[in-house]
Amino acid sequence: EVPELEIPITDTLAAMQGGTVVQERLPFHVR
């Protein structure tokens, strides 16, 4: 369960819940 709190992340997690989530990393170089 996602807690019923009035904060942005709860709505976002609820929207993603149960679907396919793609994980990406912000591209970077090692210099």
PDB file of all heavy atoms in Angstrom:
ATOM      1  N   GLU A   1       0.817  -1.202   0.000  1.00  0.00           N
ATOM      2  CA  GLU A   1       0.000   0.000   0.000  1.00  0.00           C
ATOM      3  C   GLU A   1       0.859   1.264   0.000  1.00  0.00           C
ATOM      4  O   GLU A   1       1.962   1.287   0.555  1.00  0.00           O
ATOM      5  CB  GLU A   1      -0.919   0.029   1.230  1.00  0.00           C
ATOM      6  CG  GLU A   1      -1.943  -1.101   1.256  1.00  0.00           C
ATOM      7  CD  GLU A   1      -2.848  -1.011   2.468  1.00  0.00           C
ATOM      8  OE1 GLU A   1      -2.627  -0.103   3.293  1.00  0.00           O
ATOM      9  OE2 GLU A   1      -3.760  -1.838   2.587  1.00  0.00           O
ATOM     10  N   VAL A   2       0.331   2.302  -0.630  1.00  0.00           N
ATOM     11  CA  VAL A   2       0.931   3.636  -0.576  1.00  0.00           C
ATOM     12  C   VAL A   2       0.170   4.433   0.476  1.00  0.00           C
ATOM     13  O   VAL A   2      -1.062   4.492   0.439  1.00  0.00           O
ATOM     14  CB  VAL A   2       0.839   4.347  -1.945  1.00  0.00           C
ATOM     15  CG1 VAL A   2       1.416   5.750  -1.846  1.00  0.00           C
ATOM     16  CG2 VAL A   2       1.544   3.545  -3.017  1.00  0.00           C
ATOM     17  N   PRO A   3       0.864   5.022   1.445  1.00  0.00           N
ATOM     18  CA  PRO A   3       0.146   5.790   2.482  1.00  0.00           C
ATOM     19  C   PRO A   3      -0.690   6.905   1.863  1.00  0.00           C
ATOM     20  O   PRO A   3      -0.294   7.528   0.874  1.00  0.00           O
ATOM     21  CB  PRO A   3       1.283   6.375   3.337  1.00  0.00           C
ATOM     22  CG  PRO A   3       2.464   5.524   3.056  1.00  0.00           C
ATOM     23  CD  PRO A   3       2.320   5.058   1.637  1.00  0.00           C
ATOM     24  N   GLU A   4      -1.844   7.169   2.467  1.00  0.00           N
ATOM     25  CA  GLU A   4      -2.728   8.223   1.971  1.00  0.00           C
ATOM     26  C   GLU A   4      -2.321   9.558   2.587  1.00  0.00           C
ATOM     27  O   GLU A   4      -2.911  10.035   3.551  1.00  0.00           O
ATOM     28  CB  GLU A   4      -4.187   7.888   2.288  1.00  0.00           C
ATOM     29  CG  GLU A   4      -4.711   6.680   1.522  1.00  0.00           C
ATOM     30  CD  GLU A   4      -6.197   6.483   1.715  1.00  0.00           C
ATOM     31  OE1 GLU A   4      -6.802   7.267   2.481  1.00  0.00           O
ATOM     32  OE2 GLU A   4      -6.751   5.564   1.097  1.00  0.00           O
ATOM     33  N   LEU A   5      -1.277  10.137   2.011  1.00  0.00           N
ATOM     34  CA  LEU A   5      -0.766  11.418   2.473  1.00  0.00           C
ATOM     35  C   LEU A   5      -0.824  12.419   1.329  1.00  0.00           C
ATOM     36  O   LEU A   5      -0.643  12.049   0.159  1.00  0.00           O
ATOM     37  CB  LEU A   5       0.680  11.272   2.965  1.00  0.00           C
ATOM     38  CG  LEU A   5       0.902  10.289   4.113  1.00  0.00           C
ATOM     39  CD1 LEU A   5       2.393  10.084   4.344  1.00  0.00           C
ATOM     40  CD2 LEU A   5       0.237  10.785   5.381  1.00  0.00           C
ATOM     41  N   GLU A   6      -1.062  13.673   1.646  1.00  0.00           N
ATOM     42  CA  GLU A   6      -1.168  14.711   0.624  1.00  0.00           C
ATOM     43  C   GLU A   6       0.211  15.251   0.271  1.00  0.00           C
ATOM     44  O   GLU A   6       0.544  16.400   0.537  1.00  0.00           O
ATOM     45  CB  GLU A   6      -2.091  15.832   1.104  1.00  0.00           C
ATOM     46  CG  GLU A   6      -3.540  15.398   1.267  1.00  0.00           C
ATOM     47  CD  GLU A   6      -4.446  16.518   1.729  1.00  0.00           C
ATOM     48  OE1 GLU A   6      -3.902  17.562   2.160  1.00  0.00           O
ATOM     49  OE2 GLU A   6      -5.661  16.362   1.650  1.00  0.00           O
ATOM     50  N   ILE A   7       1.027  14.407  -0.353  1.00  0.00           N
ATOM     51  CA  ILE A   7       2.372  14.772  -0.778  1.00  0.00           C
ATOM     52  C   ILE A   7       2.585  14.220  -2.178  1.00  0.00           C
ATOM     53  O   ILE A   7       1.997  13.195  -2.544  1.00  0.00           O
ATOM     54  CB  ILE A   7       3.450  14.247   0.200  1.00  0.00           C
ATOM     55  CG1 ILE A   7       3.216  12.765   0.494  1.00  0.00           C
ATOM     56  CG2 ILE A   7       3.444  15.062   1.479  1.00  0.00           C
ATOM     57  CD1 ILE A   7       4.228  12.164   1.443  1.00  0.00           C
ATOM     58  N   PRO A   8       3.414  14.879  -3.001  1.00  0.00           N
ATOM     59  CA  PRO A   8       3.518  14.489  -4.413  1.00  0.00           C
ATOM     60  C   PRO A   8       3.933  13.043  -4.650  1.00  0.00           C
ATOM     61  O   PRO A   8       3.426  12.389  -5.562  1.00  0.00           O
ATOM     62  CB  PRO A   8       4.567  15.473  -4.972  1.00  0.00           C
ATOM     63  CG  PRO A   8       4.523  16.646  -4.057  1.00  0.00           C
ATOM     64  CD  PRO A   8       4.202  16.096  -2.708  1.00  0.00           C
ATOM     65  N   ILE A   9       4.853  12.512  -3.844  1.00  0.00           N
ATOM     66  CA  ILE A   9       5.388  11.195  -4.151  1.00  0.00           C
ATOM     67  C   ILE A   9       4.343  10.094  -4.008  1.00  0.00           C
ATOM     68  O   ILE A   9       4.403   9.068  -4.705  1.00  0.00           O
ATOM     69  CB  ILE A   9       6.626  10.879  -3.290  1.00  0.00           C
ATOM     70  CG1 ILE A   9       7.306   9.596  -3.796  1.00  0.00           C
ATOM     71  CG2 ILE A   9       6.269  10.800  -1.833  1.00  0.00           C
ATOM     72  CD1 ILE A   9       8.609   9.284  -3.114  1.00  0.00           C
ATOM     73  N   THR A  10       3.358  10.265  -3.100  1.00  0.00           N
ATOM     74  CA  THR A  10       2.355   9.216  -2.950  1.00  0.00           C
ATOM     75  C   THR A  10       1.507   9.089  -4.217  1.00  0.00           C
ATOM     76  O   THR A  10       1.190   7.977  -4.654  1.00  0.00           O
ATOM     77  CB  THR A  10       1.456   9.488  -1.736  1.00  0.00           C
ATOM     78  OG1 THR A  10       0.874  10.791  -1.853  1.00  0.00           O
ATOM     79  CG2 THR A  10       2.247   9.420  -0.450  1.00  0.00           C
ATOM     80  N   ASP A  11       1.137  10.218  -4.816  1.00  0.00           N
ATOM     81  CA  ASP A  11       0.381  10.166  -6.072  1.00  0.00           C
ATOM     82  C   ASP A  11       1.216   9.549  -7.186  1.00  0.00           C
ATOM     83  O   ASP A  11       0.717   8.781  -8.011  1.00  0.00           O
ATOM     84  CB  ASP A  11      -0.077  11.568  -6.475  1.00  0.00           C
ATOM     85  CG  ASP A  11      -1.128  12.127  -5.532  1.00  0.00           C
ATOM     86  OD1 ASP A  11      -1.836  11.333  -4.891  1.00  0.00           O
ATOM     87  OD2 ASP A  11      -1.227  13.366  -5.427  1.00  0.00           O
ATOM     88  N   THR A  12       2.506   9.889  -7.231  1.00  0.00           N
ATOM     89  CA  THR A  12       3.378   9.366  -8.272  1.00  0.00           C
ATOM     90  C   THR A  12       3.568   7.859  -8.123  1.00  0.00           C
ATOM     91  O   THR A  12       3.482   7.103  -9.101  1.00  0.00           O
ATOM     92  CB  THR A  12       4.743  10.072  -8.240  1.00  0.00           C
ATOM     93  OG1 THR A  12       4.539  11.480  -8.428  1.00  0.00           O
ATOM     94  CG2 THR A  12       5.654   9.552  -9.336  1.00  0.00           C
ATOM     95  N   LEU A  13       3.834   7.400  -6.910  1.00  0.00           N
ATOM     96  CA  LEU A  13       3.998   5.961  -6.685  1.00  0.00           C
ATOM     97  C   LEU A  13       2.708   5.208  -6.996  1.00  0.00           C
ATOM     98  O   LEU A  13       2.740   4.114  -7.566  1.00  0.00           O
ATOM     99  CB  LEU A  13       4.430   5.701  -5.251  1.00  0.00           C
ATOM    100  CG  LEU A  13       5.854   6.107  -4.886  1.00  0.00           C
ATOM    101  CD1 LEU A  13       6.097   5.899  -3.391  1.00  0.00           C
ATOM    102  CD2 LEU A  13       6.875   5.333  -5.706  1.00  0.00           C
ATOM    103  N   ALA A  14       1.567   5.790  -6.627  1.00  0.00           N
ATOM    104  CA  ALA A  14       0.293   5.141  -6.930  1.00  0.00           C
ATOM    105  C   ALA A  14       0.074   5.029  -8.430  1.00  0.00           C
ATOM    106  O   ALA A  14      -0.459   4.031  -8.926  1.00  0.00           O
ATOM    107  CB  ALA A  14      -0.849   5.915  -6.276  1.00  0.00           C
ATOM    108  N   ALA A  15       0.499   6.068  -9.187  1.00  0.00           N
ATOM    109  CA  ALA A  15       0.351   6.035 -10.639  1.00  0.00           C
ATOM    110  C   ALA A  15       1.251   4.980 -11.275  1.00  0.00           C
ATOM    111  O   ALA A  15       0.905   4.381 -12.297  1.00  0.00           O
ATOM    112  CB  ALA A  15       0.658   7.407 -11.223  1.00  0.00           C
ATOM    113  N   MET A  16       2.417   4.738 -10.685  1.00  0.00           N
ATOM    114  CA  MET A  16       3.350   3.754 -11.227  1.00  0.00           C
ATOM    115  C   MET A  16       3.045   2.336 -10.754  1.00  0.00           C
ATOM    116  O   MET A  16       3.497   1.365 -11.365  1.00  0.00           O
ATOM    117  CB  MET A  16       4.780   4.116 -10.815  1.00  0.00           C
ATOM    118  CG  MET A  16       5.342   5.359 -11.478  1.00  0.00           C
ATOM    119  SD  MET A  16       7.048   5.638 -10.947  1.00  0.00           S
ATOM    120  CE  MET A  16       7.587   6.847 -12.180  1.00  0.00           C
ATOM    121  N   GLN A  17       2.311   2.207  -9.665  1.00  0.00           N
ATOM    122  CA  GLN A  17       2.108   0.926  -8.999  1.00  0.00           C
ATOM    123  C   GLN A  17       1.518  -0.121  -9.940  1.00  0.00           C
ATOM    124  O   GLN A  17       0.501   0.085 -10.587  1.00  0.00           O
ATOM    125  CB  GLN A  17       1.176   1.109  -7.794  1.00  0.00           C
ATOM    126  CG  GLN A  17       0.985  -0.117  -6.950  1.00  0.00           C
ATOM    127  CD  GLN A  17       0.161   0.183  -5.693  1.00  0.00           C
ATOM    128  OE1 GLN A  17      -0.388   1.271  -5.554  1.00  0.00           O
ATOM    129  NE2 GLN A  17       0.079  -0.768  -4.784  1.00  0.00           N
ATOM    130  N   GLY A  18       2.186  -1.258 -10.034  1.00  0.00           N
ATOM    131  CA  GLY A  18       1.672  -2.378 -10.817  1.00  0.00           C
ATOM    132  C   GLY A  18       2.024  -2.350 -12.281  1.00  0.00           C
ATOM    133  O   GLY A  18       1.759  -3.318 -12.995  1.00  0.00           O
ATOM    134  N   GLY A  19       2.635  -1.282 -12.769  1.00  0.00           N
ATOM    135  CA  GLY A  19       3.004  -1.200 -14.180  1.00  0.00           C
ATOM    136  C   GLY A  19       4.490  -1.440 -14.392  1.00  0.00           C
ATOM    137  O   GLY A  19       5.248  -1.685 -13.457  1.00  0.00           O
ATOM    138  N   THR A  20       4.897  -1.375 -15.646  1.00  0.00           N
ATOM    139  CA  THR A  20       6.310  -1.540 -15.996  1.00  0.00           C
ATOM    140  C   THR A  20       7.037  -0.221 -15.782  1.00  0.00           C
ATOM    141  O   THR A  20       6.675   0.799 -16.364  1.00  0.00           O
ATOM    142  CB  THR A  20       6.473  -1.980 -17.453  1.00  0.00           C
ATOM    143  OG1 THR A  20       5.824  -3.242 -17.638  1.00  0.00           O
ATOM    144  CG2 THR A  20       7.945  -2.123 -17.817  1.00  0.00           C
ATOM    145  N   VAL A  21       8.065  -0.247 -14.947  1.00  0.00           N
ATOM    146  CA  VAL A  21       8.860   0.947 -14.668  1.00  0.00           C
ATOM    147  C   VAL A  21      10.268   0.733 -15.208  1.00  0.00           C
ATOM    148  O   VAL A  21      10.926  -0.249 -14.881  1.00  0.00           O
ATOM    149  CB  VAL A  21       8.918   1.259 -13.161  1.00  0.00           C
ATOM    150  CG1 VAL A  21       9.820   2.462 -12.894  1.00  0.00           C
ATOM    151  CG2 VAL A  21       7.515   1.523 -12.618  1.00  0.00           C
ATOM    152  N   VAL A  22      10.712   1.643 -16.045  1.00  0.00           N
ATOM    153  CA  VAL A  22      12.050   1.586 -16.633  1.00  0.00           C
ATOM    154  C   VAL A  22      12.984   2.435 -15.782  1.00  0.00           C
ATOM    155  O   VAL A  22      12.685   3.602 -15.502  1.00  0.00           O
ATOM    156  CB  VAL A  22      12.041   2.088 -18.085  1.00  0.00           C
ATOM    157  CG1 VAL A  22      13.450   2.078 -18.665  1.00  0.00           C
ATOM    158  CG2 VAL A  22      11.102   1.235 -18.936  1.00  0.00           C
ATOM    159  N   GLN A  23      14.092   1.861 -15.371  1.00  0.00           N
ATOM    160  CA  GLN A  23      15.087   2.590 -14.579  1.00  0.00           C
ATOM    161  C   GLN A  23      16.188   3.104 -15.501  1.00  0.00           C
ATOM    162  O   GLN A  23      16.746   2.355 -16.297  1.00  0.00           O
ATOM    163  CB  GLN A  23      15.698   1.665 -13.526  1.00  0.00           C
ATOM    164  CG  GLN A  23      14.715   1.244 -12.454  1.00  0.00           C
ATOM    165  CD  GLN A  23      14.880   2.043 -11.177  1.00  0.00           C
ATOM    166  OE1 GLN A  23      15.387   3.163 -11.184  1.00  0.00           O
ATOM    167  NE2 GLN A  23      14.459   1.476 -10.074  1.00  0.00           N
ATOM    168  N   GLU A  24      16.474   4.382 -15.391  1.00  0.00           N
ATOM    169  CA  GLU A  24      17.538   5.013 -16.170  1.00  0.00           C
ATOM    170  C   GLU A  24      18.490   5.725 -15.213  1.00  0.00           C
ATOM    171  O   GLU A  24      18.091   6.152 -14.126  1.00  0.00           O
ATOM    172  CB  GLU A  24      16.965   6.038 -17.162  1.00  0.00           C
ATOM    173  CG  GLU A  24      15.996   5.467 -18.186  1.00  0.00           C
ATOM    174  CD  GLU A  24      16.699   4.831 -19.368  1.00  0.00           C
ATOM    175  OE1 GLU A  24      17.958   4.803 -19.369  1.00  0.00           O
ATOM    176  OE2 GLU A  24      15.999   4.382 -20.292  1.00  0.00           O
ATOM    177  N   ARG A  25      19.732   5.876 -15.630  1.00  0.00           N
ATOM    178  CA  ARG A  25      20.695   6.667 -14.874  1.00  0.00           C
ATOM    179  C   ARG A  25      21.057   7.895 -15.705  1.00  0.00           C
ATOM    180  O   ARG A  25      21.244   7.789 -16.923  1.00  0.00           O
ATOM    181  CB  ARG A  25      21.947   5.842 -14.566  1.00  0.00           C
ATOM    182  CG  ARG A  25      21.637   4.538 -13.849  1.00  0.00           C
ATOM    183  CD  ARG A  25      22.884   3.781 -13.481  1.00  0.00           C
ATOM    184  NE  ARG A  25      22.562   2.421 -13.042  1.00  0.00           N
ATOM    185  CZ  ARG A  25      23.375   1.653 -12.345  1.00  0.00           C
ATOM    186  NH1 ARG A  25      24.580   2.085 -12.012  1.00  0.00           N
ATOM    187  NH2 ARG A  25      23.009   0.439 -11.978  1.00  0.00           N
ATOM    188  N   LEU A  26      21.147   9.028 -15.037  1.00  0.00           N
ATOM    189  CA  LEU A  26      21.510  10.247 -15.759  1.00  0.00           C
ATOM    190  C   LEU A  26      22.877  10.035 -16.407  1.00  0.00           C
ATOM    191  O   LEU A  26      23.854   9.716 -15.716  1.00  0.00           O
ATOM    192  CB  LEU A  26      21.562  11.431 -14.801  1.00  0.00           C
ATOM    193  CG  LEU A  26      21.618  12.810 -15.472  1.00  0.00           C
ATOM    194  CD1 LEU A  26      20.296  13.120 -16.149  1.00  0.00           C
ATOM    195  CD2 LEU A  26      21.938  13.890 -14.436  1.00  0.00           C
ATOM    196  N   PRO A  27      22.983  10.164 -17.739  1.00  0.00           N
ATOM    197  CA  PRO A  27      24.248   9.850 -18.418  1.00  0.00           C
ATOM    198  C   PRO A  27      25.388  10.764 -17.966  1.00  0.00           C
ATOM    199  O   PRO A  27      25.205  11.964 -17.767  1.00  0.00           O
ATOM    200  CB  PRO A  27      23.920  10.088 -19.907  1.00  0.00           C
ATOM    201  CG  PRO A  27      22.422  10.013 -19.991  1.00  0.00           C
ATOM    202  CD  PRO A  27      21.932  10.559 -18.685  1.00  0.00           C
ATOM    203  N   PHE A  28      26.576  10.162 -17.810  1.00  0.00           N
ATOM    204  CA  PHE A  28      27.736  10.946 -17.387  1.00  0.00           C
ATOM    205  C   PHE A  28      29.014  10.334 -17.958  1.00  0.00           C
ATOM    206  O   PHE A  28      29.046   9.190 -18.401  1.00  0.00           O
ATOM    207  CB  PHE A  28      27.828  11.016 -15.853  1.00  0.00           C
ATOM    208  CG  PHE A  28      28.015   9.684 -15.184  1.00  0.00           C
ATOM    209  CD1 PHE A  28      29.276   9.170 -14.944  1.00  0.00           C
ATOM    210  CD2 PHE A  28      26.908   8.951 -14.781  1.00  0.00           C
ATOM    211  CE1 PHE A  28      29.447   7.941 -14.327  1.00  0.00           C
ATOM    212  CE2 PHE A  28      27.064   7.713 -14.159  1.00  0.00           C
ATOM    213  CZ  PHE A  28      28.336   7.208 -13.933  1.00  0.00           C
ATOM    214  N   HIS A  29      30.077  11.150 -17.949  1.00  0.00           N
ATOM    215  CA  HIS A  29      31.416  10.702 -18.327  1.00  0.00           C
ATOM    216  C   HIS A  29      32.277  10.648 -17.071  1.00  0.00           C
ATOM    217  O   HIS A  29      32.054  11.397 -16.124  1.00  0.00           O
ATOM    218  CB  HIS A  29      32.096  11.689 -19.301  1.00  0.00           C
ATOM    219  CG  HIS A  29      31.324  11.935 -20.557  1.00  0.00           C
ATOM    220  ND1 HIS A  29      31.071  10.958 -21.479  1.00  0.00           N
ATOM    221  CD2 HIS A  29      30.759  13.077 -21.056  1.00  0.00           C
ATOM    222  CE1 HIS A  29      30.393  11.473 -22.498  1.00  0.00           C
ATOM    223  NE2 HIS A  29      30.188  12.758 -22.256  1.00  0.00           N
ATOM    224  N   VAL A  30      33.270   9.792 -17.090  1.00  0.00           N
ATOM    225  CA  VAL A  30      34.304   9.813 -16.059  1.00  0.00           C
ATOM    226  C   VAL A  30      35.492  10.561 -16.637  1.00  0.00           C
ATOM    227  O   VAL A  30      36.063  10.150 -17.658  1.00  0.00           O
ATOM    228  CB  VAL A  30      34.715   8.396 -15.638  1.00  0.00           C
ATOM    229  CG1 VAL A  30      35.834   8.456 -14.602  1.00  0.00           C
ATOM    230  CG2 VAL A  30      33.517   7.634 -15.082  1.00  0.00           C
ATOM    231  N   ARG A  31      35.842  11.692 -16.013  1.00  0.00           N
ATOM    232  CA  ARG A  31      36.896  12.548 -16.575  1.00  0.00           C
ATOM    233  C   ARG A  31      38.014  12.709 -15.537  1.00  0.00           C
ATOM    234  O   ARG A  31      37.768  13.036 -14.373  1.00  0.00           O
ATOM    235  CB  ARG A  31      36.331  13.912 -16.941  1.00  0.00           C
ATOM    236  CG  ARG A  31      37.332  14.849 -17.604  1.00  0.00           C
ATOM    237  CD  ARG A  31      36.663  16.154 -18.005  1.00  0.00           C
ATOM    238  NE  ARG A  31      35.573  15.925 -18.943  1.00  0.00           N
ATOM    239  CZ  ARG A  31      34.756  16.896 -19.366  1.00  0.00           C
ATOM    240  NH1 ARG A  31      34.905  18.127 -18.907  1.00  0.00           N
ATOM    241  NH2 ARG A  31      33.792  16.620 -20.222  1.00  0.00           N
TER     242      ARG A  31
END
